[in-house]
Amino acid sequence: MKIKKGDKVKILSGKDKGKIGKVLQVFSVFDKVSVEGLNLLIKHMRPRKQGEKGQRIEFPAPLPLAKVALVCPKCGKAGRVGFKYLELIVGAEKKRKKIRICKKCRQEID
């Protein structure tokens, strides 16, 4: 997955186009992300007990991954994400670690 929980993303289309927020949740099965304070929907809750009032709850609805772009922490621009492998030597064996990179500035994100 190219976007992880805690990343800053920019909304590319929709009612919150151009806004930047932090990823709260990633739904990898559905290819959707939930962004803090953006794409807010209102859910009306009925009263559960006698004498209790109903309420309106605002919550961030999930957005498709195609509608968000990762904001690079190094250059500060929204762009695409690529992957690169690093060769690590641990003891006598070689290990490969997969890291995310910004396609614009070629700096590693993780």
Protein backbone atom coordinates (compact mmCIF):
# COMPACT_ATOMS: atom_id res chain seq x y z
CA MET A 1 0.00 0.00 0.00
CA LYS A 2 1.42 3.39 -0.97
CA ILE A 3 -0.40 5.41 1.70
CA LYS A 4 -0.21 4.55 5.39
CA LYS A 5 -1.88 5.71 8.60
CA GLY A 6 -0.42 9.03 9.77
CA ASP A 7 0.63 10.26 6.29
CA LYS A 8 -0.33 13.75 5.08
CA VAL A 9 -2.42 13.65 1.91
CA LYS A 10 -3.92 16.21 -0.45
CA ILE A 11 -7.45 15.75 -1.81
CA LEU A 12 -7.44 15.81 -5.64
CA SER A 13 -11.18 16.03 -6.38
CA GLY A 14 -14.56 16.47 -4.74
CA LYS A 15 -15.97 19.00 -2.30
CA ASP A 16 -12.70 19.23 -0.32
CA LYS A 17 -10.41 19.57 -3.36
CA GLY A 18 -6.99 21.05 -2.53
CA LYS A 19 -7.22 20.54 1.24
CA ILE A 20 -4.53 18.68 3.16
CA GLY A 21 -5.16 16.32 6.06
CA LYS A 22 -3.78 13.41 8.04
CA VAL A 23 -4.81 9.81 7.29
CA LEU A 24 -6.76 8.31 10.20
CA GLN A 25 -7.55 4.88 8.77
CA VAL A 26 -6.65 2.83 5.71
CA PHE A 27 -9.12 0.30 4.29
CA SER A 28 -6.81 -1.76 2.07
CA VAL A 29 -9.54 -4.25 1.08
CA PHE A 30 -11.70 -1.46 -0.38
CA ASP A 31 -8.78 0.79 -1.51
CA LYS A 32 -10.08 3.69 0.60
CA VAL A 33 -8.67 6.06 3.21
CA SER A 34 -10.28 8.16 5.91
CA VAL A 35 -8.79 11.67 6.30
CA GLU A 36 -9.01 13.74 9.49
CA GLY A 37 -11.47 16.64 9.19
CA LEU A 38 -12.21 16.11 5.48
CA ASN A 39 -15.13 14.55 3.58
CA LEU A 40 -17.30 14.94 6.67
CA LEU A 41 -20.74 13.38 6.71
CA ILE A 42 -23.52 13.82 9.28
CA LYS A 43 -25.22 10.81 10.82
CA HIS A 44 -28.49 11.36 12.69
CA MET A 45 -28.78 9.21 15.82
CA ARG A 46 -32.16 8.42 17.32
CA PRO A 47 -32.66 8.65 21.07
CA ARG A 48 -32.05 5.29 22.76
CA LYS A 49 -33.88 5.89 26.06
CA GLN A 50 -37.03 7.76 27.07
CA GLY A 51 -36.30 11.46 27.60
CA GLU A 52 -32.95 11.35 25.81
CA LYS A 53 -32.37 13.66 22.84
CA GLY A 54 -31.30 12.63 19.39
CA GLN A 55 -28.01 13.89 18.04
CA ARG A 56 -26.08 14.64 14.88
CA ILE A 57 -22.67 13.02 14.63
CA GLU A 58 -20.07 14.28 12.14
CA PHE A 59 -17.55 11.72 10.94
CA PRO A 60 -14.96 11.53 8.12
CA ALA A 61 -16.20 9.17 5.40
CA PRO A 62 -13.67 7.05 3.48
CA LEU A 63 -12.29 8.39 0.17
CA PRO A 64 -11.00 6.30 -2.74
CA LEU A 65 -7.20 6.11 -2.91
CA ALA A 66 -7.30 7.52 -6.45
CA LYS A 67 -8.67 10.82 -5.10
CA VAL A 68 -5.77 11.48 -2.71
CA ALA A 69 -2.05 12.16 -3.27
CA LEU A 70 0.68 11.80 -0.68
CA VAL A 71 2.38 15.04 0.42
CA CYS A 72 6.14 14.51 0.61
CA PRO A 73 7.55 15.47 4.04
CA LYS A 74 10.85 16.60 2.44
CA CYS A 75 9.77 18.79 -0.51
CA GLY A 76 6.19 19.53 0.68
CA LYS A 77 4.61 18.81 -2.71
CA ALA A 78 1.84 16.34 -3.48
CA GLY A 79 2.92 13.68 -5.90
CA ARG A 80 3.19 10.02 -6.71
CA VAL A 81 4.85 7.37 -4.62
CA GLY A 82 7.43 4.87 -5.85
CA PHE A 83 9.33 2.05 -4.22
CA LYS A 84 13.03 1.32 -3.87
CA TYR A 85 14.88 -1.60 -2.32
CA LEU A 86 17.78 -1.12 0.10
CA GLU A 87 20.40 -3.83 0.53
CA LEU A 88 21.10 -4.48 4.22
CA ILE A 89 23.84 -6.79 5.48
CA VAL A 90 22.86 -8.42 8.76
CA GLY A 91 25.56 -10.77 10.01
CA ALA A 92 26.40 -13.10 7.14
CA GLU A 93 23.18 -12.67 5.16
CA LYS A 94 21.86 -9.96 2.85
CA LYS A 95 18.36 -8.59 3.35
CA ARG A 96 16.33 -6.32 1.11
CA LYS A 97 14.14 -3.61 2.64
CA LYS A 98 11.38 -2.00 0.59
CA ILE A 99 11.00 1.76 1.17
CA ARG A 100 8.71 4.43 -0.28
CA ILE A 101 10.19 7.31 -2.29
CA CYS A 102 8.76 10.59 -3.61
CA LYS A 103 8.72 10.60 -7.43
CA LYS A 104 9.37 14.38 -7.57
CA CYS A 105 12.39 14.80 -5.28
CA ARG A 106 13.57 11.13 -5.13
CA GLN A 107 13.87 11.30 -1.31
CA GLU A 108 12.76 8.41 0.88
CA ILE A 109 9.52 8.90 2.81
CA ASP A 110 9.79 6.28 5.55
